[in-house]
Full PDB file with SEQRES, HELIX, SHEET, SSBOND, CRYST1, ORIGX, SCALE, CONECT and MASTER records, all heavy atoms in Angstrom:
SEQRES   1 A   35  GLU SER TYR ARG ARG GLU GLN THR HIS ARG GLN VAL ALA          
SEQRES   2 A   35  MET GLN SER LEU GLU ALA THR LYS GLN GLN LEU GLN GLU          
SEQRES   3 A   35  SER LEU ALA LEU ALA ASP ARG ASN ALA                          
HELIX    1 AA1 SER A    2  ASN A   34  1                                  33    
CRYST1    1.000    1.000    1.000  90.00  90.00  90.00 P 1           1          
ORIGX1      1.000000  0.000000  0.000000        0.00000                         
ORIGX2      0.000000  1.000000  0.000000        0.00000                         
ORIGX3      0.000000  0.000000  1.000000        0.00000                         
SCALE1      1.000000  0.000000  0.000000        0.00000                         
SCALE2      0.000000  1.000000  0.000000        0.00000                         
SCALE3      0.000000  0.000000  1.000000        0.00000                         
ATOM      1  N   GLU A   1     139.571 134.939  59.853  1.00  0.00           N  
ATOM      2  CA  GLU A   1     139.724 133.653  59.174  1.00  0.00           C  
ATOM      3  C   GLU A   1     139.668 132.504  60.172  1.00  0.00           C  
ATOM      4  O   GLU A   1     139.067 131.462  59.901  1.00  0.00           O  
ATOM      5  CB  GLU A   1     141.051 133.622  58.400  1.00  0.00           C  
ATOM      6  CG  GLU A   1     141.215 132.418  57.499  1.00  0.00           C  
ATOM      7  CD  GLU A   1     140.193 132.361  56.380  1.00  0.00           C  
ATOM      8  OE1 GLU A   1     139.601 133.414  56.050  1.00  0.00           O  
ATOM      9  OE2 GLU A   1     139.980 131.256  55.829  1.00  0.00           O  
ATOM     10  N   SER A   2     140.299 132.685  61.336  1.00  0.00           N  
ATOM     11  CA  SER A   2     140.242 131.647  62.363  1.00  0.00           C  
ATOM     12  C   SER A   2     138.815 131.438  62.843  1.00  0.00           C  
ATOM     13  O   SER A   2     138.383 130.294  63.072  1.00  0.00           O  
ATOM     14  CB  SER A   2     141.139 132.035  63.549  1.00  0.00           C  
ATOM     15  OG  SER A   2     142.489 132.164  63.142  1.00  0.00           O  
ATOM     16  N   TYR A   3     138.082 132.524  62.974  1.00  0.00           N  
ATOM     17  CA  TYR A   3     136.685 132.425  63.412  1.00  0.00           C  
ATOM     18  C   TYR A   3     135.860 131.678  62.377  1.00  0.00           C  
ATOM     19  O   TYR A   3     135.022 130.822  62.731  1.00  0.00           O  
ATOM     20  CB  TYR A   3     136.123 133.825  63.626  1.00  0.00           C  
ATOM     21  CG  TYR A   3     134.660 133.845  64.004  1.00  0.00           C  
ATOM     22  CD1 TYR A   3     134.254 133.520  65.295  1.00  0.00           C  
ATOM     23  CD2 TYR A   3     133.685 134.189  63.063  1.00  0.00           C  
ATOM     24  CE1 TYR A   3     132.918 133.539  65.646  1.00  0.00           C  
ATOM     25  CE2 TYR A   3     132.348 134.209  63.413  1.00  0.00           C  
ATOM     26  CZ  TYR A   3     131.969 133.882  64.695  1.00  0.00           C  
ATOM     27  OH  TYR A   3     130.639 133.893  65.022  1.00  0.00           O  
ATOM     28  N   ARG A   4     136.077 131.981  61.079  1.00  0.00           N  
ATOM     29  CA  ARG A   4     135.343 131.280  60.018  1.00  0.00           C  
ATOM     30  C   ARG A   4     135.651 129.782  60.044  1.00  0.00           C  
ATOM     31  O   ARG A   4     134.757 128.945  59.909  1.00  0.00           O  
ATOM     32  CB  ARG A   4     135.700 131.854  58.655  1.00  0.00           C  
ATOM     33  CG  ARG A   4     135.084 133.220  58.348  1.00  0.00           C  
ATOM     34  CD  ARG A   4     135.215 133.531  56.874  1.00  0.00           C  
ATOM     35  NE  ARG A   4     134.766 134.871  56.578  1.00  0.00           N  
ATOM     36  CZ  ARG A   4     135.551 135.952  56.543  1.00  0.00           C  
ATOM     37  NH1 ARG A   4     136.845 135.802  56.787  1.00  0.00           N  
ATOM     38  NH2 ARG A   4     135.064 137.138  56.268  1.00  0.00           N  
ATOM     39  N   ARG A   5     136.928 129.445  60.179  1.00  0.00           N  
ATOM     40  CA  ARG A   5     137.310 128.035  60.197  1.00  0.00           C  
ATOM     41  C   ARG A   5     136.706 127.328  61.406  1.00  0.00           C  
ATOM     42  O   ARG A   5     136.242 126.186  61.291  1.00  0.00           O  
ATOM     43  CB  ARG A   5     138.832 127.914  60.228  1.00  0.00           C  
ATOM     44  CG  ARG A   5     139.510 128.324  58.920  1.00  0.00           C  
ATOM     45  CD  ARG A   5     141.011 128.160  59.009  1.00  0.00           C  
ATOM     46  NE  ARG A   5     141.646 128.541  57.755  1.00  0.00           N  
ATOM     47  CZ  ARG A   5     142.960 128.533  57.565  1.00  0.00           C  
ATOM     48  NH1 ARG A   5     143.770 128.158  58.554  1.00  0.00           N  
ATOM     49  NH2 ARG A   5     143.471 128.898  56.402  1.00  0.00           N  
ATOM     50  N   GLU A   6     136.696 128.010  62.543  1.00  0.00           N  
ATOM     51  CA  GLU A   6     136.096 127.414  63.732  1.00  0.00           C  
ATOM     52  C   GLU A   6     134.605 127.175  63.531  1.00  0.00           C  
ATOM     53  O   GLU A   6     134.075 126.123  63.914  1.00  0.00           O  
ATOM     54  CB  GLU A   6     136.315 128.330  64.938  1.00  0.00           C  
ATOM     55  CG  GLU A   6     135.769 127.781  66.237  1.00  0.00           C  
ATOM     56  CD  GLU A   6     135.976 128.720  67.405  1.00  0.00           C  
ATOM     57  OE1 GLU A   6     136.689 129.736  67.220  1.00  0.00           O  
ATOM     58  OE2 GLU A   6     135.428 128.459  68.478  1.00  0.00           O  
ATOM     59  N   GLN A   7     133.926 128.152  62.902  1.00  0.00           N  
ATOM     60  CA  GLN A   7     132.503 127.982  62.629  1.00  0.00           C  
ATOM     61  C   GLN A   7     132.262 126.827  61.668  1.00  0.00           C  
ATOM     62  O   GLN A   7     131.329 126.035  61.844  1.00  0.00           O  
ATOM     63  CB  GLN A   7     131.920 129.279  62.037  1.00  0.00           C  
ATOM     64  CG  GLN A   7     131.831 130.429  63.025  1.00  0.00           C  
ATOM     65  CD  GLN A   7     130.839 130.146  64.128  1.00  0.00           C  
ATOM     66  OE1 GLN A   7     131.211 129.813  65.249  1.00  0.00           O  
ATOM     67  NE2 GLN A   7     129.572 130.277  63.835  1.00  0.00           N  
ATOM     68  N   THR A   8     133.117 126.717  60.633  1.00  0.00           N  
ATOM     69  CA  THR A   8     132.988 125.621  59.673  1.00  0.00           C  
ATOM     70  C   THR A   8     133.199 124.275  60.350  1.00  0.00           C  
ATOM     71  O   THR A   8     132.430 123.324  60.147  1.00  0.00           O  
ATOM     72  CB  THR A   8     133.999 125.792  58.529  1.00  0.00           C  
ATOM     73  OG1 THR A   8     133.763 127.050  57.873  1.00  0.00           O  
ATOM     74  CG2 THR A   8     133.853 124.669  57.513  1.00  0.00           C  
ATOM     75  N   HIS A   9     134.251 124.182  61.182  1.00  0.00           N  
ATOM     76  CA  HIS A   9     134.515 122.933  61.891  1.00  0.00           C  
ATOM     77  C   HIS A   9     133.369 122.595  62.834  1.00  0.00           C  
ATOM     78  O   HIS A   9     133.000 121.417  62.978  1.00  0.00           O  
ATOM     79  CB  HIS A   9     135.827 123.050  62.674  1.00  0.00           C  
ATOM     80  CG  HIS A   9     137.037 123.144  61.810  1.00  0.00           C  
ATOM     81  ND1 HIS A   9     138.271 123.598  62.249  1.00  0.00           N  
ATOM     82  CD2 HIS A   9     137.222 122.847  60.491  1.00  0.00           C  
ATOM     83  CE1 HIS A   9     139.145 123.557  61.271  1.00  0.00           C  
ATOM     84  NE2 HIS A   9     138.533 123.117  60.184  1.00  0.00           N  
ATOM     85  N   ARG A  10     132.801 123.624  63.465  1.00  0.00           N  
ATOM     86  CA  ARG A  10     131.688 123.383  64.383  1.00  0.00           C  
ATOM     87  C   ARG A  10     130.469 122.866  63.627  1.00  0.00           C  
ATOM     88  O   ARG A  10     129.780 121.952  64.098  1.00  0.00           O  
ATOM     89  CB  ARG A  10     131.356 124.678  65.124  1.00  0.00           C  
ATOM     90  CG  ARG A  10     130.305 124.524  66.210  1.00  0.00           C  
ATOM     91  CD  ARG A  10     130.119 125.821  66.974  1.00  0.00           C  
ATOM     92  NE  ARG A  10     131.362 126.249  67.595  1.00  0.00           N  
ATOM     93  CZ  ARG A  10     131.496 127.402  68.232  1.00  0.00           C  
ATOM     94  NH1 ARG A  10     130.475 128.245  68.314  1.00  0.00           N  
ATOM     95  NH2 ARG A  10     132.647 127.730  68.787  1.00  0.00           N  
ATOM     96  N   GLN A  11     130.201 123.447  62.457  1.00  0.00           N  
ATOM     97  CA  GLN A  11     129.067 122.984  61.660  1.00  0.00           C  
ATOM     98  C   GLN A  11     129.272 121.548  61.195  1.00  0.00           C  
ATOM     99  O   GLN A  11     128.339 120.729  61.238  1.00  0.00           O  
ATOM    100  CB  GLN A  11     128.871 123.908  60.457  1.00  0.00           C  
ATOM    101  CG  GLN A  11     128.363 125.292  60.820  1.00  0.00           C  
ATOM    102  CD  GLN A  11     128.267 126.207  59.614  1.00  0.00           C  
ATOM    103  OE1 GLN A  11     128.617 125.816  58.489  1.00  0.00           O  
ATOM    104  NE2 GLN A  11     127.795 127.429  59.813  1.00  0.00           N  
ATOM    105  N   VAL A  12     130.502 121.227  60.756  1.00  0.00           N  
ATOM    106  CA  VAL A  12     130.794 119.856  60.319  1.00  0.00           C  
ATOM    107  C   VAL A  12     130.634 118.893  61.491  1.00  0.00           C  
ATOM    108  O   VAL A  12     130.068 117.793  61.344  1.00  0.00           O  
ATOM    109  CB  VAL A  12     132.221 119.770  59.742  1.00  0.00           C  
ATOM    110  CG1 VAL A  12     132.606 118.318  59.473  1.00  0.00           C  
ATOM    111  CG2 VAL A  12     132.314 120.573  58.447  1.00  0.00           C  
ATOM    112  N   ALA A  13     131.124 119.311  62.675  1.00  0.00           N  
ATOM    113  CA  ALA A  13     131.000 118.446  63.854  1.00  0.00           C  
ATOM    114  C   ALA A  13     129.536 118.241  64.232  1.00  0.00           C  
ATOM    115  O   ALA A  13     129.132 117.130  64.591  1.00  0.00           O  
ATOM    116  CB  ALA A  13     131.774 119.059  65.028  1.00  0.00           C  
ATOM    117  N   MET A  14     128.721 119.297  64.151  1.00  0.00           N  
ATOM    118  CA  MET A  14     127.309 119.178  64.471  1.00  0.00           C  
ATOM    119  C   MET A  14     126.588 118.266  63.484  1.00  0.00           C  
ATOM    120  O   MET A  14     125.749 117.447  63.876  1.00  0.00           O  
ATOM    121  CB  MET A  14     126.664 120.561  64.469  1.00  0.00           C  
ATOM    122  CG  MET A  14     127.096 121.462  65.628  1.00  0.00           C  
ATOM    123  SD  MET A  14     126.666 120.771  67.246  1.00  0.00           S  
ATOM    124  CE  MET A  14     124.879 120.804  67.147  1.00  0.00           C  
ATOM    125  N   GLN A  15     126.935 118.380  62.197  1.00  0.00           N  
ATOM    126  CA  GLN A  15     126.334 117.507  61.196  1.00  0.00           C  
ATOM    127  C   GLN A  15     126.730 116.046  61.435  1.00  0.00           C  
ATOM    128  O   GLN A  15     125.896 115.137  61.320  1.00  0.00           O  
ATOM    129  CB  GLN A  15     126.756 117.951  59.801  1.00  0.00           C  
ATOM    130  CG  GLN A  15     126.174 119.298  59.382  1.00  0.00           C  
ATOM    131  CD  GLN A  15     126.724 119.781  58.052  1.00  0.00           C  
ATOM    132  OE1 GLN A  15     127.620 119.155  57.481  1.00  0.00           O  
ATOM    133  NE2 GLN A  15     126.213 120.898  57.564  1.00  0.00           N  
ATOM    134  N   SER A  16     128.015 115.837  61.760  1.00  0.00           N  
ATOM    135  CA  SER A  16     128.471 114.480  62.043  1.00  0.00           C  
ATOM    136  C   SER A  16     127.785 113.930  63.286  1.00  0.00           C  
ATOM    137  O   SER A  16     127.381 112.755  63.320  1.00  0.00           O  
ATOM    138  CB  SER A  16     129.992 114.487  62.240  1.00  0.00           C  
ATOM    139  OG  SER A  16     130.460 113.205  62.588  1.00  0.00           O  
ATOM    140  N   LEU A  17     127.630 114.776  64.307  1.00  0.00           N  
ATOM    141  CA  LEU A  17     126.961 114.341  65.533  1.00  0.00           C  
ATOM    142  C   LEU A  17     125.496 114.010  65.268  1.00  0.00           C  
ATOM    143  O   LEU A  17     124.974 113.017  65.800  1.00  0.00           O  
ATOM    144  CB  LEU A  17     127.069 115.443  66.590  1.00  0.00           C  
ATOM    145  CG  LEU A  17     126.452 115.140  67.958  1.00  0.00           C  
ATOM    146  CD1 LEU A  17     127.143 113.933  68.581  1.00  0.00           C  
ATOM    147  CD2 LEU A  17     126.567 116.352  68.874  1.00  0.00           C  
ATOM    148  N   GLU A  18     124.846 114.818  64.432  1.00  0.00           N  
ATOM    149  CA  GLU A  18     123.450 114.564  64.107  1.00  0.00           C  
ATOM    150  C   GLU A  18     123.301 113.256  63.328  1.00  0.00           C  
ATOM    151  O   GLU A  18     122.370 112.470  63.582  1.00  0.00           O  
ATOM    152  CB  GLU A  18     122.892 115.729  63.281  1.00  0.00           C  
ATOM    153  CG  GLU A  18     121.401 115.667  63.038  1.00  0.00           C  
ATOM    154  CD  GLU A  18     120.590 115.825  64.298  1.00  0.00           C  
ATOM    155  OE1 GLU A  18     121.097 116.436  65.260  1.00  0.00           O  
ATOM    156  OE2 GLU A  18     119.452 115.320  64.336  1.00  0.00           O  
ATOM    157  N   ALA A  19     124.235 113.014  62.388  1.00  0.00           N  
ATOM    158  CA  ALA A  19     124.192 111.755  61.631  1.00  0.00           C  
ATOM    159  C   ALA A  19     124.428 110.555  62.552  1.00  0.00           C  
ATOM    160  O   ALA A  19     123.755 109.520  62.431  1.00  0.00           O  
ATOM    161  CB  ALA A  19     125.243 111.786  60.519  1.00  0.00           C  
ATOM    162  N   THR A  20     125.380 110.693  63.487  1.00  0.00           N  
ATOM    163  CA  THR A  20     125.638 109.604  64.439  1.00  0.00           C  
ATOM    164  C   THR A  20     124.426 109.364  65.333  1.00  0.00           C  
ATOM    165  O   THR A  20     124.069 108.211  65.625  1.00  0.00           O  
ATOM    166  CB  THR A  20     126.857 109.954  65.309  1.00  0.00           C  
ATOM    167  OG1 THR A  20     127.991 110.186  64.467  1.00  0.00           O  
ATOM    168  CG2 THR A  20     127.178 108.818  66.266  1.00  0.00           C  
ATOM    169  N   LYS A  21     123.782 110.458  65.746  1.00  0.00           N  
ATOM    170  CA  LYS A  21     122.580 110.330  66.582  1.00  0.00           C  
ATOM    171  C   LYS A  21     121.474 109.592  65.837  1.00  0.00           C  
ATOM    172  O   LYS A  21     120.793 108.718  66.402  1.00  0.00           O  
ATOM    173  CB  LYS A  21     122.108 111.715  67.008  1.00  0.00           C  
ATOM    174  CG  LYS A  21     120.861 111.714  67.853  1.00  0.00           C  
ATOM    175  CD  LYS A  21     120.436 113.132  68.198  1.00  0.00           C  
ATOM    176  CE  LYS A  21     119.127 113.142  68.989  1.00  0.00           C  
ATOM    177  NZ  LYS A  21     118.698 114.527  69.296  1.00  0.00           N  
ATOM    178  N   GLN A  22     121.298 109.933  64.557  1.00  0.00           N  
ATOM    179  CA  GLN A  22     120.264 109.272  63.757  1.00  0.00           C  
ATOM    180  C   GLN A  22     120.570 107.789  63.582  1.00  0.00           C  
ATOM    181  O   GLN A  22     119.671 106.932  63.683  1.00  0.00           O  
ATOM    182  CB  GLN A  22     120.149 109.957  62.400  1.00  0.00           C  
ATOM    183  CG  GLN A  22     119.018 109.423  61.533  1.00  0.00           C  
ATOM    184  CD  GLN A  22     118.867 110.214  60.250  1.00  0.00           C  
ATOM    185  OE1 GLN A  22     119.569 111.188  60.026  1.00  0.00           O  
ATOM    186  NE2 GLN A  22     117.952 109.797  59.408  1.00  0.00           N  
ATOM    187  N   GLN A  23     121.840 107.474  63.326  1.00  0.00           N  
ATOM    188  CA  GLN A  23     122.230 106.072  63.183  1.00  0.00           C  
ATOM    189  C   GLN A  23     121.998 105.306  64.484  1.00  0.00           C  
ATOM    190  O   GLN A  23     121.542 104.148  64.473  1.00  0.00           O  
ATOM    191  CB  GLN A  23     123.701 105.974  62.773  1.00  0.00           C  
ATOM    192  CG  GLN A  23     123.982 106.462  61.361  1.00  0.00           C  
ATOM    193  CD  GLN A  23     125.455 106.422  61.023  1.00  0.00           C  
ATOM    194  OE1 GLN A  23     126.280 106.082  61.864  1.00  0.00           O  
ATOM    195  NE2 GLN A  23     125.802 106.758  59.792  1.00  0.00           N  
ATOM    196  N   LEU A  24     122.303 105.948  65.618  1.00  0.00           N  
ATOM    197  CA  LEU A  24     122.090 105.308  66.913  1.00  0.00           C  
ATOM    198  C   LEU A  24     120.609 105.055  67.165  1.00  0.00           C  
ATOM    199  O   LEU A  24     120.222 103.988  67.653  1.00  0.00           O  
ATOM    200  CB  LEU A  24     122.676 106.181  68.021  1.00  0.00           C  
ATOM    201  CG  LEU A  24     122.543 105.641  69.454  1.00  0.00           C  
ATOM    202  CD1 LEU A  24     123.232 104.292  69.570  1.00  0.00           C  
ATOM    203  CD2 LEU A  24     123.122 106.639  70.450  1.00  0.00           C  
ATOM    204  N   GLN A  25     119.776 106.041  66.807  1.00  0.00           N  
ATOM    205  CA  GLN A  25     118.334 105.858  66.975  1.00  0.00           C  
ATOM    206  C   GLN A  25     117.816 104.722  66.106  1.00  0.00           C  
ATOM    207  O   GLN A  25     116.982 103.920  66.544  1.00  0.00           O  
ATOM    208  CB  GLN A  25     117.602 107.165  66.635  1.00  0.00           C  
ATOM    209  CG  GLN A  25     117.824 108.275  67.653  1.00  0.00           C  
ATOM    210  CD  GLN A  25     117.180 109.580  67.238  1.00  0.00           C  
ATOM    211  OE1 GLN A  25     116.829 109.778  66.069  1.00  0.00           O  
ATOM    212  NE2 GLN A  25     117.028 110.495  68.177  1.00  0.00           N  
ATOM    213  N   GLU A  26     118.326 104.640  64.867  1.00  0.00           N  
ATOM    214  CA  GLU A  26     117.914 103.550  63.988  1.00  0.00           C  
ATOM    215  C   GLU A  26     118.370 102.199  64.541  1.00  0.00           C  
ATOM    216  O   GLU A  26     117.631 101.207  64.476  1.00  0.00           O  
ATOM    217  CB  GLU A  26     118.494 103.771  62.588  1.00  0.00           C  
ATOM    218  CG  GLU A  26     117.900 104.974  61.864  1.00  0.00           C  
ATOM    219  CD  GLU A  26     118.578 105.239  60.530  1.00  0.00           C  
ATOM    220  OE1 GLU A  26     119.580 104.534  60.239  1.00  0.00           O  
ATOM    221  OE2 GLU A  26     118.118 106.135  59.797  1.00  0.00           O  
ATOM    222  N   SER A  27     119.594 102.156  65.097  1.00  0.00           N  
ATOM    223  CA  SER A  27     120.100 100.903  65.670  1.00  0.00           C  
ATOM    224  C   SER A  27     119.275 100.489  66.883  1.00  0.00           C  
ATOM    225  O   SER A  27     118.962  99.306  67.062  1.00  0.00           O  
ATOM    226  CB  SER A  27     121.574 101.067  66.067  1.00  0.00           C  
ATOM    227  OG  SER A  27     122.373 101.373  64.938  1.00  0.00           O  
ATOM    228  N   LEU A  28     118.917 101.483  67.720  1.00  0.00           N  
ATOM    229  CA  LEU A  28     118.094 101.173  68.895  1.00  0.00           C  
ATOM    230  C   LEU A  28     116.710 100.691  68.483  1.00  0.00           C  
ATOM    231  O   LEU A  28     116.167  99.752  69.086  1.00  0.00           O  
ATOM    232  CB  LEU A  28     117.983 102.419  69.784  1.00  0.00           C  
ATOM    233  CG  LEU A  28     119.264 102.837  70.512  1.00  0.00           C  
ATOM    234  CD1 LEU A  28     119.048 104.139  71.261  1.00  0.00           C  
ATOM    235  CD2 LEU A  28     119.725 101.746  71.471  1.00  0.00           C  
ATOM    236  N   ALA A  29     116.142 101.335  67.449  1.00  0.00           N  
ATOM    237  CA  ALA A  29     114.827 100.909  66.972  1.00  0.00           C  
ATOM    238  C   ALA A  29     114.888  99.490  66.426  1.00  0.00           C  
ATOM    239  O   ALA A  29     113.988  98.667  66.671  1.00  0.00           O  
ATOM    240  CB  ALA A  29     114.321 101.878  65.906  1.00  0.00           C  
ATOM    241  N   LEU A  30     115.970  99.182  65.679  1.00  0.00           N  
ATOM    242  CA  LEU A  30     116.136  97.826  65.151  1.00  0.00           C  
ATOM    243  C   LEU A  30     116.307  96.820  66.281  1.00  0.00           C  
ATOM    244  O   LEU A  30     115.750  95.713  66.238  1.00  0.00           O  
ATOM    245  CB  LEU A  30     117.340  97.791  64.209  1.00  0.00           C  
ATOM    246  CG  LEU A  30     117.667  96.432  63.572  1.00  0.00           C  
ATOM    247  CD1 LEU A  30     116.498  95.944  62.738  1.00  0.00           C  
ATOM    248  CD2 LEU A  30     118.933  96.533  62.724  1.00  0.00           C  
ATOM    249  N   ALA A  31     117.072  97.216  67.311  1.00  0.00           N  
ATOM    250  CA  ALA A  31     117.262  96.320  68.456  1.00  0.00           C  
ATOM    251  C   ALA A  31     115.942  96.070  69.172  1.00  0.00           C  
ATOM    252  O   ALA A  31     115.660  94.945  69.601  1.00  0.00           O  
ATOM    253  CB  ALA A  31     118.291  96.925  69.414  1.00  0.00           C  
ATOM    254  N   ASP A  32     115.112  97.126  69.290  1.00  0.00           N  
ATOM    255  CA  ASP A  32     113.806  96.952  69.932  1.00  0.00           C  
ATOM    256  C   ASP A  32     112.917  96.002  69.130  1.00  0.00           C  
ATOM    257  O   ASP A  32     112.236  95.138  69.699  1.00  0.00           O  
ATOM    258  CB  ASP A  32     113.117  98.311  70.088  1.00  0.00           C  
ATOM    259  CG  ASP A  32     113.804  99.180  71.132  1.00  0.00           C  
ATOM    260  OD1 ASP A  32     114.525  98.627  71.977  1.00  0.00           O  
ATOM    261  OD2 ASP A  32     113.628 100.416  71.083  1.00  0.00           O  
ATOM    262  N   ARG A  33     112.935  96.162  67.801  1.00  0.00           N  
ATOM    263  CA  ARG A  33     112.120  95.273  66.968  1.00  0.00           C  
ATOM    264  C   ARG A  33     112.600  93.831  67.073  1.00  0.00           C  
ATOM    265  O   ARG A  33     111.790  92.891  67.147  1.00  0.00           O  
ATOM    266  CB  ARG A  33     112.154  95.748  65.506  1.00  0.00           C  
ATOM    267  CG  ARG A  33     111.397  97.053  65.269  1.00  0.00           C  
ATOM    268  CD  ARG A  33     111.180  97.285  63.786  1.00  0.00           C  
ATOM    269  NE  ARG A  33     112.421  97.433  63.051  1.00  0.00           N  
ATOM    270  CZ  ARG A  33     113.025  98.606  62.848  1.00  0.00           C  
ATOM    271  NH1 ARG A  33     112.490  99.722  63.342  1.00  0.00           N  
ATOM    272  NH2 ARG A  33     114.138  98.675  62.155  1.00  0.00           N  
ATOM    273  N   ASN A  34     113.935  93.654  67.075  1.00  0.00           N  
ATOM    274  CA  ASN A  34     114.474  92.295  67.206  1.00  0.00           C  
ATOM    275  C   ASN A  34     114.113  91.689  68.559  1.00  0.00           C  
ATOM    276  O   ASN A  34     113.834  90.490  68.656  1.00  0.00           O  
ATOM    277  CB  ASN A  34     115.994  92.313  67.027  1.00  0.00           C  
ATOM    278  CG  ASN A  34     116.400  92.613  65.591  1.00  0.00           C  
ATOM    279  OD1 ASN A  34     115.627  92.377  64.666  1.00  0.00           O  
ATOM    280  ND2 ASN A  34     117.603  93.140  65.404  1.00  0.00           N  
ATOM    281  N   ALA A  35     114.125  92.542  69.605  1.00  0.00           N  
ATOM    282  CA  ALA A  35     113.761  92.045  70.934  1.00  0.00           C  
ATOM    283  C   ALA A  35     112.297  91.627  70.966  1.00  0.00           C  
ATOM    284  O   ALA A  35     111.941  90.607  71.575  1.00  0.00           O  
ATOM    285  CB  ALA A  35     114.035  93.128  71.977  1.00  0.00           C  
TER     286      ALA A  35                                                      
MASTER        0    0    0    1    0    0    0    6  285    1    0    3          
END                                                                             
């Protein structure tokens, strides 16, 4: 059960990290266009 929970938390963290990465890329692209 601990292993399952760790895997679930890891997947949630990876999804959150991927979403943050995408938002950062969009912000950088917007900053480049504004520049």
